[in-house]
């Protein structure tokens, strides 16, 4: 049997995302995230939620996802969430760059 928590943990860590920020984006605590990594039977709903947050497709590692979530509504909702998350990520990066630019100009 596959250990869903370990699979999710590997993907989350490979994504390079800050665990505290990821937990906050999911509306969960950091402890919840660590507990999820230890759970071999992590629910498919949570796997899908994390999948959206880190932009990772778990259907290869967790085949049950493919069987349970192959409807168009799920795909459309996932696509909308993915684009929204990418947009938020770009906005955050833009804000960081603006802050660096202001800091650079102030130091001249």
PDB file of N, CA and C in Angstrom:
ATOM      1  N   UNK A   1       0.834  -1.189   0.000  1.00  0.00           N
ATOM      2  CA  UNK A   1       0.000   0.000   0.000  1.00  0.00           C
ATOM      3  C   UNK A   1       0.878   1.251   0.000  1.00  0.00           C
ATOM      4  N   UNK A   2       0.440   2.242  -0.756  1.00  0.00           N
ATOM      5  CA  UNK A   2       1.225   3.468  -0.827  1.00  0.00           C
ATOM      6  C   UNK A   2       0.966   4.343   0.396  1.00  0.00           C
ATOM      7  N   UNK A   3       1.958   5.114   0.767  1.00  0.00           N
ATOM      8  CA  UNK A   3       1.860   6.023   1.914  1.00  0.00           C
ATOM      9  C   UNK A   3       1.620   7.423   1.345  1.00  0.00           C
ATOM     10  N   UNK A   4       0.358   7.823   1.322  1.00  0.00           N
ATOM     11  CA  UNK A   4       0.000   9.105   0.708  1.00  0.00           C
ATOM     12  C   UNK A   4       0.718  10.277   1.358  1.00  0.00           C
ATOM     13  N   UNK A   5       0.844  10.246   2.673  1.00  0.00           N
ATOM     14  CA  UNK A   5       1.494  11.344   3.382  1.00  0.00           C
ATOM     15  C   UNK A   5       2.933  11.538   2.949  1.00  0.00           C
ATOM     16  N   UNK A   6       3.659  10.430   2.795  1.00  0.00           N
ATOM     17  CA  UNK A   6       5.059  10.519   2.366  1.00  0.00           C
ATOM     18  C   UNK A   6       5.167  11.046   0.943  1.00  0.00           C
ATOM     19  N   UNK A   7       4.270  10.606   0.078  1.00  0.00           N
ATOM     20  CA  UNK A   7       4.269  11.077  -1.310  1.00  0.00           C
ATOM     21  C   UNK A   7       4.026  12.581  -1.347  1.00  0.00           C
ATOM     22  N   UNK A   8       3.049  13.023  -0.573  1.00  0.00           N
ATOM     23  CA  UNK A   8       2.740  14.451  -0.514  1.00  0.00           C
ATOM     24  C   UNK A   8       3.924  15.224   0.065  1.00  0.00           C
ATOM     25  N   UNK A   9       4.527  14.704   1.123  1.00  0.00           N
ATOM     26  CA  UNK A   9       5.668  15.385   1.738  1.00  0.00           C
ATOM     27  C   UNK A   9       6.805  15.561   0.735  1.00  0.00           C
ATOM     28  N   UNK A  10       7.124  14.525  -0.017  1.00  0.00           N
ATOM     29  CA  UNK A  10       8.205  14.615  -1.000  1.00  0.00           C
ATOM     30  C   UNK A  10       7.917  15.703  -2.030  1.00  0.00           C
ATOM     31  N   UNK A  11       6.679  15.758  -2.507  1.00  0.00           N
ATOM     32  CA  UNK A  11       6.316  16.762  -3.509  1.00  0.00           C
ATOM     33  C   UNK A  11       6.338  18.168  -2.919  1.00  0.00           C
ATOM     34  N   UNK A  12       5.847  18.310  -1.692  1.00  0.00           N
ATOM     35  CA  UNK A  12       5.832  19.625  -1.039  1.00  0.00           C
ATOM     36  C   UNK A  12       7.254  20.118  -0.839  1.00  0.00           C
ATOM     37  N   UNK A  13       8.112  19.269  -0.339  1.00  0.00           N
ATOM     38  CA  UNK A  13       9.505  19.675  -0.104  1.00  0.00           C
ATOM     39  C   UNK A  13      10.222  19.967  -1.420  1.00  0.00           C
ATOM     40  N   UNK A  14       9.939  19.187  -2.454  1.00  0.00           N
ATOM     41  CA  UNK A  14      10.551  19.420  -3.766  1.00  0.00           C
ATOM     42  C   UNK A  14      10.068  20.731  -4.381  1.00  0.00           C
ATOM     43  N   UNK A  15       8.869  21.165  -4.006  1.00  0.00           N
ATOM     44  CA  UNK A  15       8.334  22.416  -4.555  1.00  0.00           C
ATOM     45  C   UNK A  15       9.081  23.628  -4.013  1.00  0.00           C
ATOM     46  N   UNK A  16       9.752  23.449  -2.875  1.00  0.00           N
ATOM     47  CA  UNK A  16      10.517  24.547  -2.290  1.00  0.00           C
ATOM     48  C   UNK A  16       9.669  25.576  -1.565  1.00  0.00           C
ATOM     49  N   UNK A  17       8.397  25.304  -1.418  1.00  0.00           N
ATOM     50  CA  UNK A  17       7.519  26.263  -0.748  1.00  0.00           C
ATOM     51  C   UNK A  17       7.737  26.224   0.756  1.00  0.00           C
ATOM     52  N   UNK A  18       7.628  27.381   1.365  1.00  0.00           N
ATOM     53  CA  UNK A  18       7.728  27.507   2.811  1.00  0.00           C
ATOM     54  C   UNK A  18       6.532  26.790   3.437  1.00  0.00           C
ATOM     55  N   UNK A  19       6.805  25.883   4.366  1.00  0.00           N
ATOM     56  CA  UNK A  19       5.732  25.071   4.951  1.00  0.00           C
ATOM     57  C   UNK A  19       4.737  25.911   5.746  1.00  0.00           C
ATOM     58  N   UNK A  20       5.219  26.927   6.434  1.00  0.00           N
ATOM     59  CA  UNK A  20       4.307  27.785   7.199  1.00  0.00           C
ATOM     60  C   UNK A  20       3.358  28.525   6.266  1.00  0.00           C
ATOM     61  N   UNK A  21       3.899  29.047   5.170  1.00  0.00           N
ATOM     62  CA  UNK A  21       3.056  29.775   4.211  1.00  0.00           C
ATOM     63  C   UNK A  21       2.075  28.838   3.523  1.00  0.00           C
ATOM     64  N   UNK A  22       2.538  27.641   3.214  1.00  0.00           N
ATOM     65  CA  UNK A  22       1.656  26.661   2.584  1.00  0.00           C
ATOM     66  C   UNK A  22       0.506  26.306   3.521  1.00  0.00           C
ATOM     67  N   UNK A  23       0.830  26.052   4.780  1.00  0.00           N
ATOM     68  CA  UNK A  23      -0.210  25.718   5.757  1.00  0.00           C
ATOM     69  C   UNK A  23      -1.215  26.859   5.866  1.00  0.00           C
ATOM     70  N   UNK A  24      -0.711  28.079   5.884  1.00  0.00           N
ATOM     71  CA  UNK A  24      -1.597  29.243   5.981  1.00  0.00           C
ATOM     72  C   UNK A  24      -2.500  29.331   4.750  1.00  0.00           C
ATOM     73  N   UNK A  25      -1.926  29.102   3.571  1.00  0.00           N
ATOM     74  CA  UNK A  25      -2.711  29.156   2.341  1.00  0.00           C
ATOM     75  C   UNK A  25      -3.804  28.089   2.336  1.00  0.00           C
ATOM     76  N   UNK A  26      -3.515  26.955   2.966  1.00  0.00           N
ATOM     77  CA  UNK A  26      -4.503  25.876   3.050  1.00  0.00           C
ATOM     78  C   UNK A  26      -5.520  26.107   4.164  1.00  0.00           C
ATOM     79  N   UNK A  27      -5.260  27.104   5.008  1.00  0.00           N
ATOM     80  CA  UNK A  27      -6.145  27.355   6.137  1.00  0.00           C
ATOM     81  C   UNK A  27      -5.946  26.352   7.258  1.00  0.00           C
ATOM     82  N   UNK A  28      -4.747  25.792   7.324  1.00  0.00           N
ATOM     83  CA  UNK A  28      -4.421  24.777   8.330  1.00  0.00           C
ATOM     84  C   UNK A  28      -3.210  25.234   9.130  1.00  0.00           C
ATOM     85  N   UNK A  29      -2.902  24.499  10.179  1.00  0.00           N
ATOM     86  CA  UNK A  29      -1.710  24.805  10.975  1.00  0.00           C
ATOM     87  C   UNK A  29      -0.512  24.050  10.402  1.00  0.00           C
ATOM     88  N   UNK A  30       0.674  24.507  10.772  1.00  0.00           N
ATOM     89  CA  UNK A  30       1.885  23.811  10.350  1.00  0.00           C
ATOM     90  C   UNK A  30       1.905  22.398  10.935  1.00  0.00           C
ATOM     91  N   UNK A  31       1.420  22.257  12.166  1.00  0.00           N
ATOM     92  CA  UNK A  31       1.348  20.935  12.800  1.00  0.00           C
ATOM     93  C   UNK A  31       0.451  20.009  11.985  1.00  0.00           C
ATOM     94  N   UNK A  32      -0.679  20.535  11.504  1.00  0.00           N
ATOM     95  CA  UNK A  32      -1.575  19.732  10.679  1.00  0.00           C
ATOM     96  C   UNK A  32      -0.832  19.230   9.444  1.00  0.00           C
ATOM     97  N   UNK A  33      -0.026  20.096   8.852  1.00  0.00           N
ATOM     98  CA  UNK A  33       0.725  19.715   7.663  1.00  0.00           C
ATOM     99  C   UNK A  33       1.708  18.589   7.980  1.00  0.00           C
ATOM    100  N   UNK A  34       2.446  18.735   9.086  1.00  0.00           N
ATOM    101  CA  UNK A  34       3.386  17.683   9.484  1.00  0.00           C
ATOM    102  C   UNK A  34       2.651  16.378   9.818  1.00  0.00           C
ATOM    103  N   UNK A  35       1.512  16.490  10.485  1.00  0.00           N
ATOM    104  CA  UNK A  35       0.717  15.292  10.791  1.00  0.00           C
ATOM    105  C   UNK A  35       0.231  14.618   9.505  1.00  0.00           C
ATOM    106  N   UNK A  36      -0.102  15.422   8.503  1.00  0.00           N
ATOM    107  CA  UNK A  36      -0.540  14.875   7.215  1.00  0.00           C
ATOM    108  C   UNK A  36       0.565  14.066   6.557  1.00  0.00           C
ATOM    109  N   UNK A  37       1.792  14.551   6.687  1.00  0.00           N
ATOM    110  CA  UNK A  37       2.931  13.831   6.106  1.00  0.00           C
ATOM    111  C   UNK A  37       3.100  12.454   6.748  1.00  0.00           C
ATOM    112  N   UNK A  38       2.682  12.327   7.997  1.00  0.00           N
ATOM    113  CA  UNK A  38       2.811  11.059   8.723  1.00  0.00           C
ATOM    114  C   UNK A  38       1.632  10.115   8.480  1.00  0.00           C
ATOM    115  N   UNK A  39       0.583  10.609   7.837  1.00  0.00           N
ATOM    116  CA  UNK A  39      -0.645   9.837   7.662  1.00  0.00           C
ATOM    117  C   UNK A  39      -0.604   9.021   6.364  1.00  0.00           C
ATOM    118  N   UNK A  40      -0.507   7.688   6.458  1.00  0.00           N
ATOM    119  CA  UNK A  40      -0.454   6.874   5.234  1.00  0.00           C
ATOM    120  C   UNK A  40      -1.772   6.884   4.462  1.00  0.00           C
ATOM    121  N   UNK A  41      -2.867   7.219   5.142  1.00  0.00           N
ATOM    122  CA  UNK A  41      -4.188   7.232   4.511  1.00  0.00           C
ATOM    123  C   UNK A  41      -4.745   8.647   4.392  1.00  0.00           C
ATOM    124  N   UNK A  42      -3.885   9.592   4.132  1.00  0.00           N
ATOM    125  CA  UNK A  42      -4.317  10.983   3.972  1.00  0.00           C
ATOM    126  C   UNK A  42      -5.465  11.031   2.967  1.00  0.00           C
ATOM    127  N   UNK A  43      -6.522  11.734   3.310  1.00  0.00           N
ATOM    128  CA  UNK A  43      -7.711  11.730   2.457  1.00  0.00           C
ATOM    129  C   UNK A  43      -7.393  12.303   1.078  1.00  0.00           C
ATOM    130  N   UNK A  44      -8.095  11.777   0.089  1.00  0.00           N
ATOM    131  CA  UNK A  44      -7.892  12.243  -1.281  1.00  0.00           C
ATOM    132  C   UNK A  44      -8.263  13.713  -1.422  1.00  0.00           C
ATOM    133  N   UNK A  45      -9.222  14.168  -0.638  1.00  0.00           N
ATOM    134  CA  UNK A  45      -9.605  15.577  -0.681  1.00  0.00           C
ATOM    135  C   UNK A  45      -8.439  16.465  -0.261  1.00  0.00           C
ATOM    136  N   UNK A  46      -7.744  16.071   0.796  1.00  0.00           N
ATOM    137  CA  UNK A  46      -6.595  16.853   1.251  1.00  0.00           C
ATOM    138  C   UNK A  46      -5.440  16.757   0.259  1.00  0.00           C
ATOM    139  N   UNK A  47      -5.248  15.582  -0.324  1.00  0.00           N
ATOM    140  CA  UNK A  47      -4.196  15.438  -1.335  1.00  0.00           C
ATOM    141  C   UNK A  47      -4.482  16.387  -2.495  1.00  0.00           C
ATOM    142  N   UNK A  48      -5.731  16.435  -2.919  1.00  0.00           N
ATOM    143  CA  UNK A  48      -6.118  17.312  -4.023  1.00  0.00           C
ATOM    144  C   UNK A  48      -5.938  18.781  -3.644  1.00  0.00           C
ATOM    145  N   UNK A  49      -6.303  19.122  -2.415  1.00  0.00           N
ATOM    146  CA  UNK A  49      -6.147  20.495  -1.932  1.00  0.00           C
ATOM    147  C   UNK A  49      -4.671  20.912  -1.944  1.00  0.00           C
ATOM    148  N   UNK A  50      -3.812  20.037  -1.462  1.00  0.00           N
ATOM    149  CA  UNK A  50      -2.375  20.318  -1.450  1.00  0.00           C
ATOM    150  C   UNK A  50      -1.851  20.363  -2.879  1.00  0.00           C
ATOM    151  N   UNK A  51      -2.355  19.483  -3.716  1.00  0.00           N
ATOM    152  CA  UNK A  51      -1.971  19.452  -5.126  1.00  0.00           C
ATOM    153  C   UNK A  51      -2.201  20.807  -5.786  1.00  0.00           C
ATOM    154  N   UNK A  52      -3.346  21.387  -5.519  1.00  0.00           N
ATOM    155  CA  UNK A  52      -3.667  22.701  -6.082  1.00  0.00           C
ATOM    156  C   UNK A  52      -2.725  23.767  -5.546  1.00  0.00           C
ATOM    157  N   UNK A  53      -2.435  23.696  -4.267  1.00  0.00           N
ATOM    158  CA  UNK A  53      -1.607  24.724  -3.629  1.00  0.00           C
ATOM    159  C   UNK A  53      -0.163  24.708  -4.117  1.00  0.00           C
ATOM    160  N   UNK A  54       0.365  23.520  -4.417  1.00  0.00           N
ATOM    161  CA  UNK A  54       1.771  23.449  -4.844  1.00  0.00           C
ATOM    162  C   UNK A  54       1.901  23.221  -6.348  1.00  0.00           C
ATOM    163  N   UNK A  55       0.762  23.181  -7.045  1.00  0.00           N
ATOM    164  CA  UNK A  55       0.750  22.998  -8.499  1.00  0.00           C
ATOM    165  C   UNK A  55       1.452  21.698  -8.893  1.00  0.00           C
ATOM    166  N   UNK A  56       1.027  20.617  -8.277  1.00  0.00           N
ATOM    167  CA  UNK A  56       1.628  19.315  -8.539  1.00  0.00           C
ATOM    168  C   UNK A  56       0.523  18.300  -8.787  1.00  0.00           C
ATOM    169  N   UNK A  57       0.692  17.481  -9.803  1.00  0.00           N
ATOM    170  CA  UNK A  57      -0.291  16.456 -10.149  1.00  0.00           C
ATOM    171  C   UNK A  57       0.113  15.125  -9.514  1.00  0.00           C
ATOM    172  N   UNK A  58      -0.664  14.674  -8.551  1.00  0.00           N
ATOM    173  CA  UNK A  58      -0.368  13.435  -7.835  1.00  0.00           C
ATOM    174  C   UNK A  58      -0.975  12.199  -8.496  1.00  0.00           C
ATOM    175  N   UNK A  59      -1.600  12.345  -9.653  1.00  0.00           N
ATOM    176  CA  UNK A  59      -2.306  11.202 -10.238  1.00  0.00           C
ATOM    177  C   UNK A  59      -1.373  10.060 -10.632  1.00  0.00           C
ATOM    178  N   UNK A  60      -0.113  10.342 -10.902  1.00  0.00           N
ATOM    179  CA  UNK A  60       0.829   9.260 -11.212  1.00  0.00           C
ATOM    180  C   UNK A  60       1.181   8.467  -9.950  1.00  0.00           C
ATOM    181  N   UNK A  61       1.414   9.176  -8.851  1.00  0.00           N
ATOM    182  CA  UNK A  61       1.818   8.523  -7.605  1.00  0.00           C
ATOM    183  C   UNK A  61       0.634   7.936  -6.843  1.00  0.00           C
ATOM    184  N   UNK A  62      -0.524   8.563  -6.978  1.00  0.00           N
ATOM    185  CA  UNK A  62      -1.720   8.122  -6.246  1.00  0.00           C
ATOM    186  C   UNK A  62      -2.833   7.879  -7.271  1.00  0.00           C
ATOM    187  N   UNK A  63      -2.891   6.681  -7.840  1.00  0.00           N
ATOM    188  CA  UNK A  63      -3.843   6.382  -8.914  1.00  0.00           C
ATOM    189  C   UNK A  63      -5.310   6.586  -8.531  1.00  0.00           C
ATOM    190  N   UNK A  64      -5.625   6.482  -7.244  1.00  0.00           N
ATOM    191  CA  UNK A  64      -7.022   6.682  -6.819  1.00  0.00           C
ATOM    192  C   UNK A  64      -7.528   8.068  -7.196  1.00  0.00           C
ATOM    193  N   UNK A  65      -6.642   9.034  -7.247  1.00  0.00           N
ATOM    194  CA  UNK A  65      -7.052  10.386  -7.628  1.00  0.00           C
ATOM    195  C   UNK A  65      -7.613  10.400  -9.042  1.00  0.00           C
ATOM    196  N   UNK A  66      -6.970   9.666  -9.915  1.00  0.00           N
ATOM    197  CA  UNK A  66      -7.402   9.631 -11.312  1.00  0.00           C
ATOM    198  C   UNK A  66      -8.802   9.045 -11.417  1.00  0.00           C
ATOM    199  N   UNK A  67      -9.065   8.004 -10.646  1.00  0.00           N
ATOM    200  CA  UNK A  67     -10.375   7.354 -10.700  1.00  0.00           C
ATOM    201  C   UNK A  67     -11.467   8.198 -10.066  1.00  0.00           C
ATOM    202  N   UNK A  68     -11.140   8.887  -8.990  1.00  0.00           N
ATOM    203  CA  UNK A  68     -12.163   9.606  -8.227  1.00  0.00           C
ATOM    204  C   UNK A  68     -12.387  11.044  -8.677  1.00  0.00           C
ATOM    205  N   UNK A  69     -11.416  11.635  -9.360  1.00  0.00           N
ATOM    206  CA  UNK A  69     -11.528  13.058  -9.695  1.00  0.00           C
ATOM    207  C   UNK A  69     -11.240  13.309 -11.166  1.00  0.00           C
ATOM    208  N   UNK A  70     -11.989  12.657 -12.027  1.00  0.00           N
ATOM    209  CA  UNK A  70     -11.763  12.844 -13.456  1.00  0.00           C
ATOM    210  C   UNK A  70     -12.943  13.524 -14.140  1.00  0.00           C
ATOM    211  N   UNK A  71     -13.752  14.243 -13.397  1.00  0.00           N
ATOM    212  CA  UNK A  71     -14.865  14.935 -14.036  1.00  0.00           C
ATOM    213  C   UNK A  71     -14.441  16.339 -14.460  1.00  0.00           C
ATOM    214  N   UNK A  72     -15.176  16.910 -15.366  1.00  0.00           N
ATOM    215  CA  UNK A  72     -14.836  18.236 -15.891  1.00  0.00           C
ATOM    216  C   UNK A  72     -14.940  19.325 -14.840  1.00  0.00           C
ATOM    217  N   UNK A  73     -15.929  19.219 -13.955  1.00  0.00           N
ATOM    218  CA  UNK A  73     -16.073  20.236 -12.915  1.00  0.00           C
ATOM    219  C   UNK A  73     -14.838  20.279 -12.033  1.00  0.00           C
ATOM    220  N   UNK A  74     -14.339  19.130 -11.657  1.00  0.00           N
ATOM    221  CA  UNK A  74     -13.138  19.069 -10.831  1.00  0.00           C
ATOM    222  C   UNK A  74     -11.941  19.641 -11.557  1.00  0.00           C
ATOM    223  N   UNK A  75     -11.812  19.303 -12.841  1.00  0.00           N
ATOM    224  CA  UNK A  75     -10.701  19.829 -13.637  1.00  0.00           C
ATOM    225  C   UNK A  75     -10.800  21.339 -13.774  1.00  0.00           C
ATOM    226  N   UNK A  76     -12.003  21.836 -14.029  1.00  0.00           N
ATOM    227  CA  UNK A  76     -12.188  23.274 -14.187  1.00  0.00           C
ATOM    228  C   UNK A  76     -11.906  23.995 -12.874  1.00  0.00           C
ATOM    229  N   UNK A  77     -12.394  23.461 -11.779  1.00  0.00           N
ATOM    230  CA  UNK A  77     -12.148  24.086 -10.478  1.00  0.00           C
ATOM    231  C   UNK A  77     -10.662  24.074 -10.158  1.00  0.00           C
ATOM    232  N   UNK A  78      -9.997  22.958 -10.466  1.00  0.00           N
ATOM    233  CA  UNK A  78      -8.562  22.874 -10.210  1.00  0.00           C
ATOM    234  C   UNK A  78      -7.812  23.872 -11.081  1.00  0.00           C
ATOM    235  N   UNK A  79      -8.223  24.009 -12.342  1.00  0.00           N
ATOM    236  CA  UNK A  79      -7.560  24.944 -13.245  1.00  0.00           C
ATOM    237  C   UNK A  79      -7.741  26.381 -12.753  1.00  0.00           C
ATOM    238  N   UNK A  80      -8.948  26.727 -12.339  1.00  0.00           N
ATOM    239  CA  UNK A  80      -9.191  28.077 -11.827  1.00  0.00           C
ATOM    240  C   UNK A  80      -8.350  28.346 -10.587  1.00  0.00           C
ATOM    241  N   UNK A  81      -8.301  27.395  -9.687  1.00  0.00           N
ATOM    242  CA  UNK A  81      -7.504  27.553  -8.474  1.00  0.00           C
ATOM    243  C   UNK A  81      -6.027  27.658  -8.813  1.00  0.00           C
ATOM    244  N   UNK A  82      -5.584  26.862  -9.762  1.00  0.00           N
ATOM    245  CA  UNK A  82      -4.178  26.898 -10.169  1.00  0.00           C
ATOM    246  C   UNK A  82      -3.815  28.272 -10.704  1.00  0.00           C
ATOM    247  N   UNK A  83      -4.641  28.823 -11.579  1.00  0.00           N
ATOM    248  CA  UNK A  83      -4.351  30.153 -12.126  1.00  0.00           C
ATOM    249  C   UNK A  83      -4.400  31.219 -11.039  1.00  0.00           C
ATOM    250  N   UNK A  84      -5.357  31.096 -10.139  1.00  0.00           N
ATOM    251  CA  UNK A  84      -5.448  32.058  -9.037  1.00  0.00           C
ATOM    252  C   UNK A  84      -4.194  31.994  -8.173  1.00  0.00           C
ATOM    253  N   UNK A  85      -3.754  30.788  -7.846  1.00  0.00           N
ATOM    254  CA  UNK A  85      -2.553  30.629  -7.023  1.00  0.00           C
ATOM    255  C   UNK A  85      -1.316  31.154  -7.736  1.00  0.00           C
ATOM    256  N   UNK A  86      -1.210  30.899  -9.036  1.00  0.00           N
ATOM    257  CA  UNK A  86      -0.073  31.426  -9.799  1.00  0.00           C
ATOM    258  C   UNK A  86      -0.090  32.952  -9.795  1.00  0.00           C
ATOM    259  N   UNK A  87      -1.266  33.534  -9.959  1.00  0.00           N
ATOM    260  CA  UNK A  87      -1.397  34.986  -9.952  1.00  0.00           C
ATOM    261  C   UNK A  87      -0.969  35.558  -8.603  1.00  0.00           C
ATOM    262  N   UNK A  88      -1.418  34.949  -7.524  1.00  0.00           N
ATOM    263  CA  UNK A  88      -1.041  35.408  -6.182  1.00  0.00           C
ATOM    264  C   UNK A  88       0.462  35.291  -5.989  1.00  0.00           C
ATOM    265  N   UNK A  89       1.043  34.191  -6.446  1.00  0.00           N
ATOM    266  CA  UNK A  89       2.493  34.003  -6.338  1.00  0.00           C
ATOM    267  C   UNK A  89       3.231  35.100  -7.103  1.00  0.00           C
ATOM    268  N   UNK A  90       2.778  35.400  -8.312  1.00  0.00           N
ATOM    269  CA  UNK A  90       3.416  36.464  -9.096  1.00  0.00           C
ATOM    270  C   UNK A  90       3.276  37.820  -8.411  1.00  0.00           C
ATOM    271  N   UNK A  91       2.129  38.086  -7.831  1.00  0.00           N
ATOM    272  CA  UNK A  91       1.944  39.346  -7.106  1.00  0.00           C
ATOM    273  C   UNK A  91       2.904  39.451  -5.928  1.00  0.00           C
ATOM    274  N   UNK A  92       3.072  38.352  -5.202  1.00  0.00           N
ATOM    275  CA  UNK A  92       3.998  38.354  -4.069  1.00  0.00           C
ATOM    276  C   UNK A  92       5.427  38.598  -4.536  1.00  0.00           C
ATOM    277  N   UNK A  93       5.821  37.952  -5.629  1.00  0.00           N
ATOM    278  CA  UNK A  93       7.168  38.157  -6.171  1.00  0.00           C
ATOM    279  C   UNK A  93       7.342  39.593  -6.652  1.00  0.00           C
ATOM    280  N   UNK A  94       6.317  40.134  -7.272  1.00  0.00           N
ATOM    281  CA  UNK A  94       6.353  41.520  -7.741  1.00  0.00           C
ATOM    282  C   UNK A  94       6.544  42.482  -6.564  1.00  0.00           C
ATOM    283  N   UNK A  95       5.827  42.228  -5.481  1.00  0.00           N
ATOM    284  CA  UNK A  95       5.957  43.071  -4.293  1.00  0.00           C
ATOM    285  C   UNK A  95       7.375  43.019  -3.734  1.00  0.00           C
ATOM    286  N   UNK A  96       7.973  41.833  -3.724  1.00  0.00           N
ATOM    287  CA  UNK A  96       9.348  41.696  -3.237  1.00  0.00           C
ATOM    288  C   UNK A  96      10.310  42.487  -4.113  1.00  0.00           C
ATOM    289  N   UNK A  97      10.127  42.392  -5.426  1.00  0.00           N
ATOM    290  CA  UNK A  97      10.998  43.133  -6.339  1.00  0.00           C
ATOM    291  C   UNK A  97      10.832  44.638  -6.174  1.00  0.00           C
ATOM    292  N   UNK A  98       9.605  45.085  -5.995  1.00  0.00           N
ATOM    293  CA  UNK A  98       9.374  46.515  -5.765  1.00  0.00           C
ATOM    294  C   UNK A  98      10.054  46.983  -4.483  1.00  0.00           C
ATOM    295  N   UNK A  99       9.970  46.177  -3.443  1.00  0.00           N
ATOM    296  CA  UNK A  99      10.611  46.530  -2.175  1.00  0.00           C
ATOM    297  C   UNK A  99      12.121  46.621  -2.351  1.00  0.00           C
ATOM    298  N   UNK A 100      12.711  45.698  -3.102  1.00  0.00           N
ATOM    299  CA  UNK A 100      14.150  45.741  -3.358  1.00  0.00           C
ATOM    300  C   UNK A 100      14.526  46.974  -4.168  1.00  0.00           C
ATOM    301  N   UNK A 101      13.706  47.317  -5.144  1.00  0.00           N
ATOM    302  CA  UNK A 101      13.964  48.499  -5.966  1.00  0.00           C
ATOM    303  C   UNK A 101      13.913  49.765  -5.122  1.00  0.00           C
ATOM    304  N   UNK A 102      12.925  49.871  -4.270  1.00  0.00           N
ATOM    305  CA  UNK A 102      12.808  51.042  -3.390  1.00  0.00           C
ATOM    306  C   UNK A 102      13.998  51.110  -2.447  1.00  0.00           C
ATOM    307  N   UNK A 103      14.388  49.975  -1.903  1.00  0.00           N
ATOM    308  CA  UNK A 103      15.539  49.916  -1.009  1.00  0.00           C
ATOM    309  C   UNK A 103      16.814  50.323  -1.745  1.00  0.00           C
ATOM    310  N   UNK A 104      16.971  49.856  -2.963  1.00  0.00           N
ATOM    311  CA  UNK A 104      18.145  50.200  -3.769  1.00  0.00           C
ATOM    312  C   UNK A 104      18.179  51.697  -4.060  1.00  0.00           C
ATOM    313  N   UNK A 105      17.046  52.264  -4.439  1.00  0.00           N
ATOM    314  CA  UNK A 105      16.988  53.691  -4.757  1.00  0.00           C
ATOM    315  C   UNK A 105      17.232  54.541  -3.517  1.00  0.00           C
ATOM    316  N   UNK A 106      16.784  54.080  -2.374  1.00  0.00           N
ATOM    317  CA  UNK A 106      16.980  54.833  -1.134  1.00  0.00           C
ATOM    318  C   UNK A 106      18.438  54.810  -0.694  1.00  0.00           C
ATOM    319  N   UNK A 107      19.163  53.770  -1.057  1.00  0.00           N
ATOM    320  CA  UNK A 107      20.564  53.658  -0.626  1.00  0.00           C
ATOM    321  C   UNK A 107      21.516  54.439  -1.520  1.00  0.00           C
ATOM    322  N   UNK A 108      21.047  55.002  -2.582  1.00  0.00           N
ATOM    323  CA  UNK A 108      21.912  55.776  -3.496  1.00  0.00           C
ATOM    324  C   UNK A 108      22.251  57.101  -2.942  1.00  0.00           C
TER     325      UNK A 108
END
